[in-house]
């Protein structure tokens, strides 16, 4: 007796959204019972199937189904953990490493701007990066402490605020000129320019040299013209 062919079936995972297809060669529990029913209907009545043999077959298919369900559950759990880890990287600074199409090692650092999920797999996108495909979670080499970044930003803001507070004040600086020679100068701070978060000090009458906040050694009281050593800038 002919038995209906096992049809290929597609199934969408409700957890990851991933679609998987069942191959024609995969035997499901339903298909097994169809085959068993066909075997019972067409068995030789003079030599029927042994009950113990039938029970053995049913036990084996039940065990196989349980193992398949367990394997699927483990795969789903691994994918969910990967997605959770990937999305937890949003807003954090990471270092990634991967091989490009030419086989060269590429290293990048940056803040994770967003995470996209493709077929249950998270892809990380870095702020300001030009990649359109993103990066795999497995490419993460380092995750930086956001508190350190926040402290660095706080320090930069304080340095900028201190630098801008020097405008109009008379100071003494010891720094380097454009040729790398040591320069000791006094003068009124004419302006402050911010270059990549670093304030640069310009003195009146000096159009060629600029100095860092850390170059300040003395800040004068404009009322008494009495100098005070600025130890804070050297710490």
C-alpha atoms as a PDB file:
ATOM      1  CA  UNK A   1       0.000   0.000   0.000  1.00  0.00           C
ATOM      2  CA  UNK A   2       1.318   3.456  -0.895  1.00  0.00           C
ATOM      3  CA  UNK A   3       1.908   5.887   1.931  1.00  0.00           C
ATOM      4  CA  UNK A   4       1.507   9.658   1.493  1.00  0.00           C
ATOM      5  CA  UNK A   5       4.856  11.399   0.914  1.00  0.00           C
ATOM      6  CA  UNK A   6       6.211  13.533   3.725  1.00  0.00           C
ATOM      7  CA  UNK A   7       5.796  17.147   2.722  1.00  0.00           C
ATOM      8  CA  UNK A   8       8.299  19.885   3.417  1.00  0.00           C
ATOM      9  CA  UNK A   9       7.005  22.341   6.018  1.00  0.00           C
ATOM     10  CA  UNK A  10       8.141  25.800   7.075  1.00  0.00           C
ATOM     11  CA  UNK A  11       7.942  26.886  10.706  1.00  0.00           C
ATOM     12  CA  UNK A  12       8.475  30.344  12.195  1.00  0.00           C
ATOM     13  CA  UNK A  13      10.112  30.461  15.618  1.00  0.00           C
ATOM     14  CA  UNK A  14       7.961  32.631  17.896  1.00  0.00           C
ATOM     15  CA  UNK A  15      10.979  33.661  20.007  1.00  0.00           C
ATOM     16  CA  UNK A  16      13.599  34.657  17.418  1.00  0.00           C
ATOM     17  CA  UNK A  17      11.388  35.185  14.366  1.00  0.00           C
ATOM     18  CA  UNK A  18      13.602  32.815  12.391  1.00  0.00           C
ATOM     19  CA  UNK A  19      11.958  30.602   9.764  1.00  0.00           C
ATOM     20  CA  UNK A  20      13.175  27.027   9.395  1.00  0.00           C
ATOM     21  CA  UNK A  21      12.157  24.380   6.885  1.00  0.00           C
ATOM     22  CA  UNK A  22      11.612  20.710   7.647  1.00  0.00           C
ATOM     23  CA  UNK A  23      13.390  18.509   5.123  1.00  0.00           C
ATOM     24  CA  UNK A  24      11.496  15.739   3.326  1.00  0.00           C
ATOM     25  CA  UNK A  25      13.831  13.212   4.953  1.00  0.00           C
ATOM     26  CA  UNK A  26      12.881  14.288   8.491  1.00  0.00           C
ATOM     27  CA  UNK A  27      10.418  11.923  10.164  1.00  0.00           C
ATOM     28  CA  UNK A  28       7.889  13.643  12.413  1.00  0.00           C
ATOM     29  CA  UNK A  29       5.838  11.950  15.115  1.00  0.00           C
ATOM     30  CA  UNK A  30       2.698  12.379  13.004  1.00  0.00           C
ATOM     31  CA  UNK A  31       4.395  10.763  10.014  1.00  0.00           C
ATOM     32  CA  UNK A  32       5.601   7.893  12.180  1.00  0.00           C
ATOM     33  CA  UNK A  33       2.077   7.118  13.385  1.00  0.00           C
ATOM     34  CA  UNK A  34       0.796   7.296   9.813  1.00  0.00           C
ATOM     35  CA  UNK A  35       3.389   4.739   8.799  1.00  0.00           C
ATOM     36  CA  UNK A  36       2.562   2.580  11.832  1.00  0.00           C
ATOM     37  CA  UNK A  37      -1.167   2.696  11.034  1.00  0.00           C
ATOM     38  CA  UNK A  38      -0.461   1.734   7.415  1.00  0.00           C
ATOM     39  CA  UNK A  39       1.756  -1.116   8.594  1.00  0.00           C
ATOM     40  CA  UNK A  40      -0.959  -2.423  10.939  1.00  0.00           C
ATOM     41  CA  UNK A  41      -3.611  -2.185   8.238  1.00  0.00           C
ATOM     42  CA  UNK A  42      -1.503  -4.095   5.746  1.00  0.00           C
ATOM     43  CA  UNK A  43       0.177  -6.598   8.036  1.00  0.00           C
ATOM     44  CA  UNK A  44      -0.011 -10.336   7.411  1.00  0.00           C
ATOM     45  CA  UNK A  45      -2.780 -11.543   9.726  1.00  0.00           C
ATOM     46  CA  UNK A  46      -1.141 -14.971   9.904  1.00  0.00           C
ATOM     47  CA  UNK A  47       1.965 -13.299  11.276  1.00  0.00           C
ATOM     48  CA  UNK A  48       0.911 -10.044  12.996  1.00  0.00           C
ATOM     49  CA  UNK A  49       3.351  -7.509  14.391  1.00  0.00           C
ATOM     50  CA  UNK A  50       4.670  -8.380  17.817  1.00  0.00           C
ATOM     51  CA  UNK A  51       3.360  -6.054  20.538  1.00  0.00           C
ATOM     52  CA  UNK A  52       6.776  -5.710  22.119  1.00  0.00           C
ATOM     53  CA  UNK A  53       8.260  -4.688  18.746  1.00  0.00           C
ATOM     54  CA  UNK A  54       5.559  -2.072  18.292  1.00  0.00           C
ATOM     55  CA  UNK A  55       6.139  -0.681  21.798  1.00  0.00           C
ATOM     56  CA  UNK A  56       9.887  -0.541  21.130  1.00  0.00           C
ATOM     57  CA  UNK A  57       9.310   1.498  17.969  1.00  0.00           C
ATOM     58  CA  UNK A  58       6.934   3.871  19.763  1.00  0.00           C
ATOM     59  CA  UNK A  59       9.427   4.350  22.606  1.00  0.00           C
ATOM     60  CA  UNK A  60      12.227   5.096  20.157  1.00  0.00           C
ATOM     61  CA  UNK A  61      10.210   7.703  18.244  1.00  0.00           C
ATOM     62  CA  UNK A  62       9.126   9.327  21.530  1.00  0.00           C
ATOM     63  CA  UNK A  63      12.756   9.552  22.691  1.00  0.00           C
ATOM     64  CA  UNK A  64      13.848  10.957  19.346  1.00  0.00           C
ATOM     65  CA  UNK A  65      11.097  13.580  19.445  1.00  0.00           C
ATOM     66  CA  UNK A  66      12.081  14.565  23.000  1.00  0.00           C
ATOM     67  CA  UNK A  67      15.721  14.985  21.934  1.00  0.00           C
ATOM     68  CA  UNK A  68      14.688  17.102  18.959  1.00  0.00           C
ATOM     69  CA  UNK A  69      12.529  19.326  21.173  1.00  0.00           C
ATOM     70  CA  UNK A  70      15.382  19.694  23.668  1.00  0.00           C
ATOM     71  CA  UNK A  71      17.836  20.594  20.902  1.00  0.00           C
ATOM     72  CA  UNK A  72      15.426  23.194  19.503  1.00  0.00           C
ATOM     73  CA  UNK A  73      14.892  24.680  22.971  1.00  0.00           C
ATOM     74  CA  UNK A  74      18.665  24.943  23.527  1.00  0.00           C
ATOM     75  CA  UNK A  75      19.143  26.635  20.148  1.00  0.00           C
ATOM     76  CA  UNK A  76      16.365  29.104  20.943  1.00  0.00           C
ATOM     77  CA  UNK A  77      17.870  29.828  24.363  1.00  0.00           C
ATOM     78  CA  UNK A  78      21.310  30.463  22.826  1.00  0.00           C
ATOM     79  CA  UNK A  79      19.836  32.827  20.240  1.00  0.00           C
ATOM     80  CA  UNK A  80      17.829  34.744  22.842  1.00  0.00           C
ATOM     81  CA  UNK A  81      20.958  35.126  25.012  1.00  0.00           C
ATOM     82  CA  UNK A  82      22.917  36.386  22.016  1.00  0.00           C
ATOM     83  CA  UNK A  83      20.187  38.914  21.179  1.00  0.00           C
ATOM     84  CA  UNK A  84      20.020  40.085  24.810  1.00  0.00           C
ATOM     85  CA  UNK A  85      23.797  40.492  24.958  1.00  0.00           C
ATOM     86  CA  UNK A  86      23.867  42.371  21.662  1.00  0.00           C
ATOM     87  CA  UNK A  87      21.124  44.806  22.639  1.00  0.00           C
ATOM     88  CA  UNK A  88      22.790  45.367  26.040  1.00  0.00           C
ATOM     89  CA  UNK A  89      25.743  46.895  24.149  1.00  0.00           C
ATOM     90  CA  UNK A  90      23.686  49.885  22.964  1.00  0.00           C
ATOM     91  CA  UNK A  91      25.316  53.095  24.226  1.00  0.00           C
ATOM     92  CA  UNK A  92      28.524  51.330  25.277  1.00  0.00           C
ATOM     93  CA  UNK A  93      31.991  51.797  23.820  1.00  0.00           C
ATOM     94  CA  UNK A  94      33.337  48.571  22.339  1.00  0.00           C
ATOM     95  CA  UNK A  95      36.389  47.337  20.492  1.00  0.00           C
ATOM     96  CA  UNK A  96      35.741  44.929  17.630  1.00  0.00           C
ATOM     97  CA  UNK A  97      37.989  42.810  15.429  1.00  0.00           C
ATOM     98  CA  UNK A  98      37.119  40.913  12.262  1.00  0.00           C
ATOM     99  CA  UNK A  99      38.581  39.623   8.992  1.00  0.00           C
ATOM    100  CA  UNK A 100      37.676  41.570   5.856  1.00  0.00           C
ATOM    101  CA  UNK A 101      37.061  40.009   2.441  1.00  0.00           C
ATOM    102  CA  UNK A 102      40.801  40.164   1.673  1.00  0.00           C
ATOM    103  CA  UNK A 103      41.657  38.209   4.822  1.00  0.00           C
ATOM    104  CA  UNK A 104      43.128  41.223   6.616  1.00  0.00           C
ATOM    105  CA  UNK A 105      42.466  41.819  10.315  1.00  0.00           C
ATOM    106  CA  UNK A 106      40.411  44.975  10.922  1.00  0.00           C
ATOM    107  CA  UNK A 107      40.100  46.606  14.337  1.00  0.00           C
ATOM    108  CA  UNK A 108      37.622  49.333  15.254  1.00  0.00           C
ATOM    109  CA  UNK A 109      36.415  51.157  18.344  1.00  0.00           C
ATOM    110  CA  UNK A 110      33.272  53.164  18.919  1.00  0.00           C
ATOM    111  CA  UNK A 111      29.987  53.531  20.728  1.00  0.00           C
ATOM    112  CA  UNK A 112      27.225  51.125  19.760  1.00  0.00           C
ATOM    113  CA  UNK A 113      24.557  53.315  18.186  1.00  0.00           C
ATOM    114  CA  UNK A 114      21.984  50.619  17.421  1.00  0.00           C
ATOM    115  CA  UNK A 115      21.469  46.858  17.100  1.00  0.00           C
ATOM    116  CA  UNK A 116      19.496  45.311  14.252  1.00  0.00           C
ATOM    117  CA  UNK A 117      18.178  41.729  14.347  1.00  0.00           C
ATOM    118  CA  UNK A 118      18.471  39.702  11.129  1.00  0.00           C
ATOM    119  CA  UNK A 119      16.900  36.214  11.229  1.00  0.00           C
ATOM    120  CA  UNK A 120      17.488  35.980  14.962  1.00  0.00           C
ATOM    121  CA  UNK A 121      21.087  37.263  14.744  1.00  0.00           C
ATOM    122  CA  UNK A 122      22.008  40.687  16.209  1.00  0.00           C
ATOM    123  CA  UNK A 123      24.203  43.060  14.175  1.00  0.00           C
ATOM    124  CA  UNK A 124      25.913  45.981  15.935  1.00  0.00           C
ATOM    125  CA  UNK A 125      26.292  49.415  14.349  1.00  0.00           C
ATOM    126  CA  UNK A 126      28.880  51.892  15.655  1.00  0.00           C
ATOM    127  CA  UNK A 127      28.255  55.625  15.899  1.00  0.00           C
ATOM    128  CA  UNK A 128      29.801  57.457  12.951  1.00  0.00           C
ATOM    129  CA  UNK A 129      30.809  54.207  11.240  1.00  0.00           C
ATOM    130  CA  UNK A 130      30.105  53.760   7.529  1.00  0.00           C
ATOM    131  CA  UNK A 131      29.414  50.010   7.619  1.00  0.00           C
ATOM    132  CA  UNK A 132      25.990  49.121   6.243  1.00  0.00           C
ATOM    133  CA  UNK A 133      26.094  45.483   7.403  1.00  0.00           C
ATOM    134  CA  UNK A 134      27.035  46.058  11.044  1.00  0.00           C
ATOM    135  CA  UNK A 135      29.177  43.710  13.122  1.00  0.00           C
ATOM    136  CA  UNK A 136      28.546  40.342  14.746  1.00  0.00           C
ATOM    137  CA  UNK A 137      28.429  40.006  18.532  1.00  0.00           C
ATOM    138  CA  UNK A 138      31.285  37.501  18.231  1.00  0.00           C
ATOM    139  CA  UNK A 139      33.548  40.276  16.857  1.00  0.00           C
ATOM    140  CA  UNK A 140      33.482  42.170  20.184  1.00  0.00           C
ATOM    141  CA  UNK A 141      36.940  42.078  21.766  1.00  0.00           C
ATOM    142  CA  UNK A 142      36.521  44.642  24.573  1.00  0.00           C
ATOM    143  CA  UNK A 143      33.705  46.499  26.320  1.00  0.00           C
ATOM    144  CA  UNK A 144      34.728  49.737  28.003  1.00  0.00           C
ATOM    145  CA  UNK A 145      33.487  51.097  31.285  1.00  0.00           C
ATOM    146  CA  UNK A 146      31.072  53.931  30.572  1.00  0.00           C
ATOM    147  CA  UNK A 147      31.989  55.505  33.904  1.00  0.00           C
ATOM    148  CA  UNK A 148      35.558  56.017  32.650  1.00  0.00           C
ATOM    149  CA  UNK A 149      34.231  57.715  29.524  1.00  0.00           C
ATOM    150  CA  UNK A 150      31.954  59.896  31.617  1.00  0.00           C
ATOM    151  CA  UNK A 151      34.866  60.894  33.873  1.00  0.00           C
ATOM    152  CA  UNK A 152      36.986  61.750  30.820  1.00  0.00           C
ATOM    153  CA  UNK A 153      34.173  63.923  29.459  1.00  0.00           C
ATOM    154  CA  UNK A 154      33.737  65.584  32.856  1.00  0.00           C
ATOM    155  CA  UNK A 155      37.467  66.305  33.008  1.00  0.00           C
ATOM    156  CA  UNK A 156      37.429  67.835  29.525  1.00  0.00           C
ATOM    157  CA  UNK A 157      34.478  70.068  30.430  1.00  0.00           C
ATOM    158  CA  UNK A 158      36.281  71.294  33.555  1.00  0.00           C
ATOM    159  CA  UNK A 159      39.417  72.004  31.543  1.00  0.00           C
ATOM    160  CA  UNK A 160      37.409  73.957  28.950  1.00  0.00           C
ATOM    161  CA  UNK A 161      35.604  75.922  31.666  1.00  0.00           C
ATOM    162  CA  UNK A 162      38.892  76.758  33.386  1.00  0.00           C
ATOM    163  CA  UNK A 163      40.504  77.788  30.115  1.00  0.00           C
ATOM    164  CA  UNK A 164      37.667  80.110  29.126  1.00  0.00           C
ATOM    165  CA  UNK A 165      37.743  81.681  32.609  1.00  0.00           C
ATOM    166  CA  UNK A 166      41.290  82.911  31.831  1.00  0.00           C
ATOM    167  CA  UNK A 167      40.106  85.237  29.035  1.00  0.00           C
ATOM    168  CA  UNK A 168      41.050  88.841  29.964  1.00  0.00           C
ATOM    169  CA  UNK A 169      43.391  87.729  32.755  1.00  0.00           C
ATOM    170  CA  UNK A 170      47.157  88.180  32.910  1.00  0.00           C
ATOM    171  CA  UNK A 171      49.004  84.899  33.109  1.00  0.00           C
ATOM    172  CA  UNK A 172      52.480  83.434  32.853  1.00  0.00           C
ATOM    173  CA  UNK A 173      52.970  80.324  30.749  1.00  0.00           C
ATOM    174  CA  UNK A 174      55.813  77.920  30.081  1.00  0.00           C
ATOM    175  CA  UNK A 175      55.200  75.961  26.908  1.00  0.00           C
ATOM    176  CA  UNK A 176      56.485  75.170  23.436  1.00  0.00           C
ATOM    177  CA  UNK A 177      56.467  77.406  20.370  1.00  0.00           C
ATOM    178  CA  UNK A 178      55.650  76.198  16.857  1.00  0.00           C
ATOM    179  CA  UNK A 179      59.274  75.055  16.441  1.00  0.00           C
ATOM    180  CA  UNK A 180      59.245  73.009  19.644  1.00  0.00           C
ATOM    181  CA  UNK A 181      61.394  75.439  21.624  1.00  0.00           C
ATOM    182  CA  UNK A 182      60.600  76.212  25.282  1.00  0.00           C
ATOM    183  CA  UNK A 183      58.856  79.549  25.677  1.00  0.00           C
ATOM    184  CA  UNK A 184      58.267  81.558  28.870  1.00  0.00           C
ATOM    185  CA  UNK A 185      55.754  84.332  28.392  1.00  0.00           C
ATOM    186  CA  UNK A 186      53.501  86.672  30.287  1.00  0.00           C
ATOM    187  CA  UNK A 187      50.486  88.443  28.916  1.00  0.00           C
ATOM    188  CA  UNK A 188      46.757  88.980  28.808  1.00  0.00           C
ATOM    189  CA  UNK A 189      44.710  86.083  27.483  1.00  0.00           C
ATOM    190  CA  UNK A 190      43.137  87.432  24.304  1.00  0.00           C
ATOM    191  CA  UNK A 191      41.066  84.410  23.360  1.00  0.00           C
ATOM    192  CA  UNK A 192      40.474  80.688  23.815  1.00  0.00           C
ATOM    193  CA  UNK A 193      39.920  78.285  20.943  1.00  0.00           C
ATOM    194  CA  UNK A 194      38.630  74.746  21.417  1.00  0.00           C
ATOM    195  CA  UNK A 195      40.313  72.077  19.256  1.00  0.00           C
ATOM    196  CA  UNK A 196      38.783  68.571  19.591  1.00  0.00           C
ATOM    197  CA  UNK A 197      37.719  69.300  23.155  1.00  0.00           C
ATOM    198  CA  UNK A 198      41.082  70.827  24.145  1.00  0.00           C
ATOM    199  CA  UNK A 199      41.235  74.578  24.902  1.00  0.00           C
ATOM    200  CA  UNK A 200      44.137  76.514  23.352  1.00  0.00           C
ATOM    201  CA  UNK A 201      45.197  79.813  24.929  1.00  0.00           C
ATOM    202  CA  UNK A 202      46.254  82.839  22.852  1.00  0.00           C
ATOM    203  CA  UNK A 203      47.984  85.843  24.407  1.00  0.00           C
ATOM    204  CA  UNK A 204      47.571  89.453  23.251  1.00  0.00           C
ATOM    205  CA  UNK A 205      50.201  90.454  20.702  1.00  0.00           C
ATOM    206  CA  UNK A 206      51.212  86.815  19.980  1.00  0.00           C
ATOM    207  CA  UNK A 207      49.724  85.607  16.718  1.00  0.00           C
ATOM    208  CA  UNK A 208      51.934  82.542  16.211  1.00  0.00           C
ATOM    209  CA  UNK A 209      51.903  80.608  19.490  1.00  0.00           C
ATOM    210  CA  UNK A 210      49.140  78.933  21.442  1.00  0.00           C
ATOM    211  CA  UNK A 211      49.374  77.274  24.846  1.00  0.00           C
ATOM    212  CA  UNK A 212      47.604  74.546  26.760  1.00  0.00           C
ATOM    213  CA  UNK A 213      45.849  75.104  30.080  1.00  0.00           C
ATOM    214  CA  UNK A 214      48.542  72.927  31.658  1.00  0.00           C
ATOM    215  CA  UNK A 215      51.179  75.433  30.492  1.00  0.00           C
ATOM    216  CA  UNK A 216      49.853  78.064  32.935  1.00  0.00           C
ATOM    217  CA  UNK A 217      52.245  78.552  35.870  1.00  0.00           C
ATOM    218  CA  UNK A 218      50.959  81.855  37.266  1.00  0.00           C
ATOM    219  CA  UNK A 219      47.662  83.749  37.228  1.00  0.00           C
ATOM    220  CA  UNK A 220      47.902  87.418  38.193  1.00  0.00           C
ATOM    221  CA  UNK A 221      45.431  89.444  40.195  1.00  0.00           C
ATOM    222  CA  UNK A 222      44.568  92.230  37.771  1.00  0.00           C
ATOM    223  CA  UNK A 223      43.911  94.624  40.649  1.00  0.00           C
ATOM    224  CA  UNK A 224      47.242  94.177  42.433  1.00  0.00           C
ATOM    225  CA  UNK A 225      49.235  92.583  39.577  1.00  0.00           C
ATOM    226  CA  UNK A 226      50.362  90.047  42.157  1.00  0.00           C
ATOM    227  CA  UNK A 227      50.953  86.599  40.780  1.00  0.00           C
ATOM    228  CA  UNK A 228      49.670  83.337  42.215  1.00  0.00           C
ATOM    229  CA  UNK A 229      51.094  80.010  41.171  1.00  0.00           C
ATOM    230  CA  UNK A 230      48.392  77.849  39.648  1.00  0.00           C
ATOM    231  CA  UNK A 231      49.150  74.407  41.071  1.00  0.00           C
ATOM    232  CA  UNK A 232      45.810  73.005  39.943  1.00  0.00           C
ATOM    233  CA  UNK A 233      46.822  73.066  36.301  1.00  0.00           C
ATOM    234  CA  UNK A 234      49.845  70.881  37.053  1.00  0.00           C
ATOM    235  CA  UNK A 235      47.947  68.110  38.822  1.00  0.00           C
END
